[in-house]
N, C-alpha and C. Protein backbone atom coordinates (compact mmCIF):
# COMPACT_ATOMS: atom_id res chain seq x y z
N UNK A 1 38.82 156.44 72.19
CA UNK A 1 37.76 155.24 72.40
C UNK A 1 38.46 154.23 73.46
N UNK A 2 39.68 153.96 73.58
CA UNK A 2 40.24 152.96 75.08
C UNK A 2 39.52 153.70 76.43
N UNK A 3 39.00 154.87 76.47
CA UNK A 3 38.42 155.57 77.25
C UNK A 3 37.10 154.84 77.50
N UNK A 4 36.63 155.02 76.52
CA UNK A 4 34.97 154.78 76.53
C UNK A 4 34.82 153.35 76.97
N UNK A 5 35.58 152.65 76.02
CA UNK A 5 35.85 151.07 76.14
C UNK A 5 35.77 150.89 77.91
N UNK A 6 36.83 151.41 78.24
CA UNK A 6 37.23 151.16 79.64
C UNK A 6 36.17 151.57 80.52
N UNK A 7 35.35 152.42 80.71
CA UNK A 7 34.43 153.23 81.08
C UNK A 7 33.33 152.26 81.22
N UNK A 8 32.92 151.78 79.66
CA UNK A 8 31.84 150.98 79.71
C UNK A 8 31.96 149.57 80.64
N UNK A 9 33.45 148.92 80.58
CA UNK A 9 33.58 148.00 81.21
C UNK A 9 33.31 148.08 82.69
N UNK A 10 33.65 149.09 83.37
CA UNK A 10 33.74 149.48 84.59
C UNK A 10 32.46 149.73 85.13
N UNK A 11 31.64 150.49 84.34
CA UNK A 11 30.34 150.51 84.60
C UNK A 11 29.35 149.52 84.39
N UNK A 12 29.60 148.16 83.79
CA UNK A 12 29.05 146.76 83.52
C UNK A 12 29.39 146.24 84.87
N UNK A 13 30.62 146.32 85.51
CA UNK A 13 30.96 145.79 86.49
C UNK A 13 30.79 146.05 87.73
N UNK A 14 30.23 147.58 87.69
CA UNK A 14 29.76 148.15 89.21
C UNK A 14 28.15 148.06 89.05
N UNK A 15 27.44 147.98 87.79
CA UNK A 15 26.22 147.72 87.93
C UNK A 15 25.68 146.03 88.21
N UNK A 16 26.89 145.14 87.66
CA UNK A 16 26.88 143.97 88.02
C UNK A 16 27.08 143.47 89.46
N UNK A 17 28.02 144.08 89.97
CA UNK A 17 28.12 144.39 91.35
C UNK A 17 26.85 144.39 92.42
N UNK A 18 26.09 145.57 91.85
CA UNK A 18 25.00 146.34 92.53
C UNK A 18 23.79 145.07 92.54
N UNK A 19 23.78 144.83 91.41
CA UNK A 19 22.56 144.09 91.25
C UNK A 19 22.79 142.49 91.60
N UNK A 20 24.02 142.03 91.79
CA UNK A 20 24.36 140.70 92.28
C UNK A 20 24.48 140.83 94.13
N UNK A 21 24.60 142.11 94.52
CA UNK A 21 24.28 142.48 96.27
C UNK A 21 22.72 141.85 96.27
N UNK A 22 21.87 141.98 95.78
CA UNK A 22 20.66 141.43 95.95
C UNK A 22 20.51 140.22 96.17
N UNK A 23 21.25 139.63 95.49
CA UNK A 23 21.73 138.05 95.24
C UNK A 23 22.11 137.26 95.97
N UNK A 24 22.63 137.92 97.54
CA UNK A 24 23.48 137.61 98.43
C UNK A 24 22.99 136.27 98.87
N UNK A 25 23.54 134.97 98.97
CA UNK A 25 23.17 134.05 100.18
C UNK A 25 23.05 134.54 101.10
N UNK A 26 22.03 134.17 101.78
CA UNK A 26 21.83 134.21 103.45
C UNK A 26 22.67 133.21 104.20
N UNK A 27 23.47 133.53 104.77
CA UNK A 27 24.80 132.29 105.37
C UNK A 27 23.55 131.42 106.56
N UNK A 28 23.79 130.15 106.52
CA UNK A 28 22.95 128.96 107.06
C UNK A 28 22.69 129.49 108.45
N UNK A 29 23.69 130.01 109.35
CA UNK A 29 23.57 130.07 110.66
C UNK A 29 22.34 131.75 110.93
N UNK A 30 21.98 132.37 110.17
CA UNK A 30 20.89 133.09 110.18
C UNK A 30 19.83 132.78 109.26
N UNK A 31 19.97 131.74 108.36
CA UNK A 31 18.73 131.58 107.69
C UNK A 31 17.84 130.67 108.46
N UNK A 32 18.41 129.92 109.50
CA UNK A 32 17.54 128.93 110.42
C UNK A 32 16.99 129.78 111.07
N UNK A 33 17.24 130.79 112.13
CA UNK A 33 16.39 131.48 112.41
C UNK A 33 15.18 132.66 111.93
N UNK A 34 15.36 133.07 110.63
CA UNK A 34 14.63 133.88 109.81
C UNK A 34 13.50 132.47 109.53
N UNK A 35 14.10 131.08 108.80
CA UNK A 35 12.89 130.29 108.67
C UNK A 35 11.85 129.85 110.23
N UNK A 36 12.71 130.11 111.00
CA UNK A 36 11.83 129.65 112.39
C UNK A 36 10.74 130.62 112.53
N UNK A 37 11.28 131.97 112.43
CA UNK A 37 10.20 132.84 112.66
C UNK A 37 9.20 133.33 111.83
N UNK A 38 9.99 132.64 110.40
CA UNK A 38 8.76 132.89 109.07
C UNK A 38 7.83 131.49 109.64
N UNK A 39 7.95 130.61 110.12
CA UNK A 39 6.92 129.35 110.27
C UNK A 39 5.81 130.12 111.26
N UNK A 40 6.88 130.46 112.41
CA UNK A 40 5.79 131.08 113.89
C UNK A 40 5.03 131.88 113.10
N UNK A 41 5.30 133.12 112.37
CA UNK A 41 4.38 133.61 111.52
C UNK A 41 3.23 133.06 110.70
N UNK A 42 3.48 132.21 110.10
CA UNK A 42 2.88 131.32 109.45
C UNK A 42 1.51 130.70 110.38
N UNK A 43 2.29 130.33 111.71
CA UNK A 43 1.16 129.49 112.47
C UNK A 43 0.18 130.82 112.93
N UNK A 44 1.03 131.84 112.98
CA UNK A 44 -0.19 133.03 113.72
C UNK A 44 -1.00 133.08 112.69
N UNK A 45 -0.79 133.51 111.53
CA UNK A 45 -1.74 133.75 110.34
C UNK A 45 -2.78 132.70 110.53
N UNK A 46 -2.64 131.38 110.53
CA UNK A 46 -3.43 130.70 110.79
C UNK A 46 -4.29 130.34 111.81
N UNK A 47 -3.98 130.78 112.54
CA UNK A 47 -4.73 131.04 114.03
C UNK A 47 -5.60 132.40 113.78
N UNK A 48 -4.79 133.21 113.04
CA UNK A 48 -5.60 134.32 112.65
C UNK A 48 -7.02 134.03 112.17
N UNK A 49 -7.08 133.35 111.41
CA UNK A 49 -8.17 133.30 110.38
C UNK A 49 -9.79 132.97 111.37
N UNK A 50 -9.34 132.49 112.81
CA UNK A 50 -10.15 131.84 113.67
C UNK A 50 -10.60 132.56 114.62
N UNK A 51 -9.84 133.80 114.85
CA UNK A 51 -9.55 134.40 115.87
C UNK A 51 -9.61 136.04 115.33
N UNK A 52 -10.73 136.67 115.72
CA UNK A 52 -11.21 138.07 115.25
C UNK A 52 -9.92 139.10 115.85
N UNK A 53 -9.76 138.53 117.00
CA UNK A 53 -8.72 139.59 118.07
C UNK A 53 -7.14 139.88 117.56
N UNK A 54 -7.08 138.63 116.07
CA UNK A 54 -5.40 138.59 116.09
C UNK A 54 -5.67 139.08 114.50
N UNK A 55 -5.11 140.12 114.16
CA UNK A 55 -5.21 140.89 113.11
C UNK A 55 -3.71 140.64 112.46
N UNK A 56 -3.67 139.98 111.21
CA UNK A 56 -2.55 139.82 110.16
C UNK A 56 -3.32 139.84 109.16
N UNK A 57 -3.22 140.84 108.20
CA UNK A 57 -4.00 140.66 106.81
C UNK A 57 -3.09 140.24 105.84
N UNK A 58 -1.69 140.19 105.90
CA UNK A 58 -0.85 139.86 104.83
C UNK A 58 0.24 139.20 105.08
N UNK A 59 0.70 137.75 105.04
CA UNK A 59 1.50 137.28 105.53
C UNK A 59 2.81 137.93 104.85
N UNK A 60 2.67 137.99 103.57
CA UNK A 60 3.86 138.64 102.87
C UNK A 60 4.70 140.23 103.48
N UNK A 61 3.72 141.15 104.26
CA UNK A 61 4.19 142.00 104.98
C UNK A 61 4.78 141.28 106.44
N UNK A 62 4.35 140.48 106.76
CA UNK A 62 5.06 139.86 108.26
C UNK A 62 6.53 139.09 107.46
N UNK A 63 6.70 138.57 106.56
CA UNK A 63 7.33 138.22 106.16
C UNK A 63 8.96 139.44 105.92
N UNK A 64 8.36 140.30 105.26
CA UNK A 64 8.94 141.38 104.98
C UNK A 64 9.66 142.09 106.10
N UNK A 65 9.01 142.11 107.26
CA UNK A 65 9.32 142.50 108.38
C UNK A 65 10.01 141.55 109.13
N UNK A 66 9.82 140.14 109.16
CA UNK A 66 11.08 139.41 109.82
C UNK A 66 12.46 139.47 108.98
N UNK A 67 12.41 139.70 107.37
CA UNK A 67 13.68 139.69 106.85
C UNK A 67 14.29 141.01 106.83
N UNK A 68 13.70 141.93 106.99
CA UNK A 68 14.25 143.18 107.59
C UNK A 68 14.73 143.67 108.68
N UNK A 69 14.24 142.68 109.70
CA UNK A 69 14.97 142.50 110.97
C UNK A 69 16.14 142.06 110.96
N UNK A 70 16.64 140.84 109.98
CA UNK A 70 17.88 140.24 109.76
C UNK A 70 18.87 141.19 108.90
N UNK A 71 17.71 142.16 108.12
CA UNK A 71 18.88 142.77 107.48
C UNK A 71 18.78 142.40 105.67
N UNK A 72 18.06 141.52 105.61
CA UNK A 72 17.62 140.88 103.99
C UNK A 72 16.43 141.18 103.39
N UNK A 73 16.19 141.08 102.14
CA UNK A 73 15.29 141.64 101.20
C UNK A 73 14.60 140.23 100.85
N UNK A 74 13.22 140.36 100.32
CA UNK A 74 12.79 139.12 99.84
C UNK A 74 13.45 138.15 98.55
N UNK A 75 14.38 139.29 97.84
CA UNK A 75 14.94 138.89 96.69
C UNK A 75 15.87 138.21 97.33
N UNK A 76 17.19 138.66 98.27
CA UNK A 76 17.84 137.10 99.00
C UNK A 76 16.89 136.36 99.51
N UNK A 77 16.29 136.12 100.20
CA UNK A 77 15.24 135.70 100.86
C UNK A 77 15.22 134.16 99.65
N UNK A 78 14.85 134.51 98.69
CA UNK A 78 14.43 133.79 97.57
C UNK A 78 15.25 133.04 96.57
N UNK A 79 16.28 133.87 96.73
CA UNK A 79 17.19 133.66 95.77
C UNK A 79 17.81 132.71 96.87
N UNK A 80 18.27 132.93 98.38
CA UNK A 80 18.83 131.88 99.38
C UNK A 80 18.01 130.63 99.22
N UNK A 81 16.97 130.65 99.21
CA UNK A 81 16.05 129.37 99.30
C UNK A 81 16.34 128.86 97.95
N UNK A 82 16.28 129.02 96.91
CA UNK A 82 16.85 128.29 95.78
C UNK A 82 18.07 127.76 95.64
N UNK A 83 19.18 128.35 96.10
CA UNK A 83 20.56 128.20 96.36
C UNK A 83 20.70 126.83 97.31
N UNK A 84 19.97 126.84 98.46
CA UNK A 84 20.09 125.72 99.60
C UNK A 84 19.20 124.63 99.11
N UNK A 85 18.42 124.68 98.15
CA UNK A 85 17.44 123.60 97.66
C UNK A 85 17.86 123.04 96.55
N UNK A 86 18.87 123.50 95.76
CA UNK A 86 20.09 122.61 94.80
C UNK A 86 20.69 121.15 95.87
N UNK A 87 20.78 121.65 96.96
CA UNK A 87 21.65 120.55 97.82
C UNK A 87 20.65 119.88 98.73
N UNK A 88 19.87 119.20 98.33
CA UNK A 88 18.87 118.71 99.37
C UNK A 88 19.51 118.17 100.31
N UNK A 89 20.64 117.70 100.93
CA UNK A 89 21.44 117.35 101.88
C UNK A 89 21.39 118.90 103.00
N UNK A 90 22.03 119.64 102.59
CA UNK A 90 22.30 121.08 103.16
C UNK A 90 21.14 121.38 103.24
N UNK A 91 19.97 121.48 102.52
CA UNK A 91 18.86 122.11 102.71
C UNK A 91 18.02 121.40 104.18
N UNK A 92 18.22 119.71 103.93
CA UNK A 92 17.83 118.81 104.94
C UNK A 92 18.26 119.56 106.49
N UNK A 93 19.56 119.81 106.21
CA UNK A 93 20.16 120.09 107.53
C UNK A 93 19.46 121.31 108.36
N UNK A 94 19.44 122.22 107.20
CA UNK A 94 19.03 123.44 107.36
C UNK A 94 17.56 123.45 108.25
N UNK A 95 16.82 122.73 107.70
CA UNK A 95 15.06 122.17 107.96
C UNK A 95 15.27 121.52 109.24
N UNK A 96 16.17 120.54 109.68
CA UNK A 96 16.60 119.67 110.91
C UNK A 96 16.60 120.40 112.22
N UNK A 97 17.50 121.76 111.98
CA UNK A 97 17.67 122.72 112.79
C UNK A 97 16.56 123.74 113.21
N UNK A 98 16.02 124.15 111.93
CA UNK A 98 14.64 124.75 112.22
C UNK A 98 13.80 123.93 112.72
N UNK A 99 13.48 122.57 112.53
CA UNK A 99 12.46 122.04 113.35
C UNK A 99 13.05 121.70 114.83
N UNK A 100 14.29 121.55 115.37
CA UNK A 100 14.62 121.48 116.14
C UNK A 100 14.24 122.61 117.12
N UNK A 101 14.63 123.78 116.58
CA UNK A 101 14.04 124.84 117.71
C UNK A 101 12.75 125.25 117.59
N UNK A 102 11.91 124.52 116.88
CA UNK A 102 10.22 124.78 116.85
C UNK A 102 9.84 124.01 117.50
N UNK A 103 10.76 122.56 117.95
CA UNK A 103 10.34 121.63 118.86
C UNK A 103 10.81 121.99 120.37
N UNK A 104 12.11 122.92 120.78
CA UNK A 104 12.28 123.18 121.59
C UNK A 104 11.29 124.39 122.42
N UNK A 105 10.78 125.28 121.14
CA UNK A 105 9.96 126.35 121.79
C UNK A 105 8.55 125.71 122.11
N UNK A 106 8.10 124.66 121.47
CA UNK A 106 6.92 123.73 121.86
C UNK A 106 7.29 123.40 123.30
N UNK A 107 7.94 122.84 123.51
CA UNK A 107 8.26 122.13 124.64
C UNK A 107 8.14 123.12 125.83
N UNK A 108 8.82 124.15 125.28
CA UNK A 108 9.26 125.46 126.62
C UNK A 108 7.56 126.16 126.86
N UNK A 109 6.85 125.86 126.05
CA UNK A 109 5.60 126.49 125.83
C UNK A 109 4.78 125.71 126.68
N UNK A 110 4.73 124.29 126.34
CA UNK A 110 3.99 123.64 127.15
C UNK A 110 4.37 123.46 128.49
N UNK A 111 5.50 123.68 128.81
CA UNK A 111 6.34 123.45 130.24
C UNK A 111 5.50 124.76 130.85
N UNK A 112 5.69 125.63 130.35
CA UNK A 112 5.59 127.04 130.81
C UNK A 112 3.88 127.04 131.02
N UNK A 113 2.78 126.49 130.39
CA UNK A 113 1.53 126.19 130.79
C UNK A 113 1.15 124.90 131.33
N UNK A 114 1.86 123.99 131.63
CA UNK A 114 2.02 123.64 133.21
C UNK A 114 1.93 124.17 134.25
N UNK A 115 3.02 124.91 134.18
CA UNK A 115 3.65 125.66 135.16
C UNK A 115 2.16 126.60 135.71
N UNK A 116 2.02 127.33 134.79
CA UNK A 116 0.83 128.51 135.17
C UNK A 116 -0.43 127.69 135.52
N UNK A 117 -0.69 126.55 134.96
CA UNK A 117 -2.00 125.81 135.48
C UNK A 117 -1.67 125.60 136.79
N UNK A 118 -0.52 124.93 137.30
CA UNK A 118 -0.31 124.32 138.65
C UNK A 118 -0.05 125.44 139.69
N UNK A 119 0.04 126.79 138.88
CA UNK A 119 0.12 127.82 140.11
C UNK A 119 1.59 128.28 140.56
N UNK A 120 2.25 127.55 139.69
CA UNK A 120 3.86 127.92 139.71
C UNK A 120 4.52 129.23 139.22
N UNK A 121 5.40 129.63 139.65
CA UNK A 121 6.41 130.92 139.06
C UNK A 121 6.70 130.48 137.69
N UNK A 122 6.77 131.43 136.64
CA UNK A 122 7.27 131.41 135.64
C UNK A 122 8.76 131.26 135.40
N UNK A 123 9.47 130.22 134.64
CA UNK A 123 10.50 130.10 134.62
C UNK A 123 11.20 131.54 133.90
N UNK A 124 12.73 131.59 134.28
CA UNK A 124 13.35 132.90 133.82
C UNK A 124 14.15 132.79 132.12
N UNK A 125 13.65 133.30 131.46
CA UNK A 125 14.42 133.29 130.29
C UNK A 125 15.96 132.90 130.16
N UNK A 126 16.36 132.00 129.41
CA UNK A 126 17.97 131.76 129.19
C UNK A 126 18.43 133.02 128.74
N UNK A 127 19.82 132.96 128.76
CA UNK A 127 20.64 133.56 128.34
C UNK A 127 20.94 133.27 126.93
N UNK A 128 20.99 132.27 126.55
CA UNK A 128 20.75 131.45 124.93
C UNK A 128 19.61 131.77 124.41
N UNK A 129 18.80 132.35 124.68
CA UNK A 129 17.78 132.44 124.07
C UNK A 129 17.66 134.08 123.84
N UNK A 130 18.47 134.68 124.45
CA UNK A 130 19.06 136.26 124.38
C UNK A 130 19.57 136.32 122.89
N UNK A 131 20.16 135.40 122.66
CA UNK A 131 21.59 135.15 121.38
C UNK A 131 21.05 135.21 120.01
N UNK A 132 19.70 134.34 120.15
CA UNK A 132 18.91 134.14 118.88
C UNK A 132 18.16 135.30 118.77
N UNK A 133 18.10 136.15 118.94
CA UNK A 133 17.41 137.50 118.81
C UNK A 133 17.91 138.06 117.44
N UNK A 134 17.14 138.55 116.74
CA UNK A 134 17.54 139.29 115.39
C UNK A 134 18.47 140.41 115.80
N UNK A 135 19.48 141.05 114.95
CA UNK A 135 20.44 141.82 115.18
C UNK A 135 19.53 143.42 115.65
N UNK A 136 18.82 143.61 115.15
CA UNK A 136 18.02 144.70 115.67
C UNK A 136 17.16 145.12 116.77
N UNK A 137 17.13 143.93 117.52
CA UNK A 137 15.96 143.87 119.03
C UNK A 137 16.86 143.41 119.88
N UNK A 138 17.91 144.11 120.46
CA UNK A 138 18.41 144.00 121.54
C UNK A 138 17.66 144.66 122.94
């Protein structure tokens, strides 16, 4: 009887730990670049509506690809959003970083466009931008 009870308890713990694995909160330093890429994909999807040369059929598939690049599931992303949204100050700080990165990217793109229009050579990518790539894309 004791062995059966111990087996049931250990099984329950392992099942709980296995289910909890999908609910792991994505660390803030990884959440920011994930959100940046997701927002970029949202922008591309909006443009795709008006440009037949761009084919983005389903943004959910795009999100899945982004999350897989970082090694996370949609369930982990959703539970992380819930976790961070419980503390609005923390969530605001995350989005301030997301907006700062997007603004920096926009400025760099505008500068590059200006160089191209003026006939100057394009700038070399910085080493820092290499560090912001997901783990699988080196």
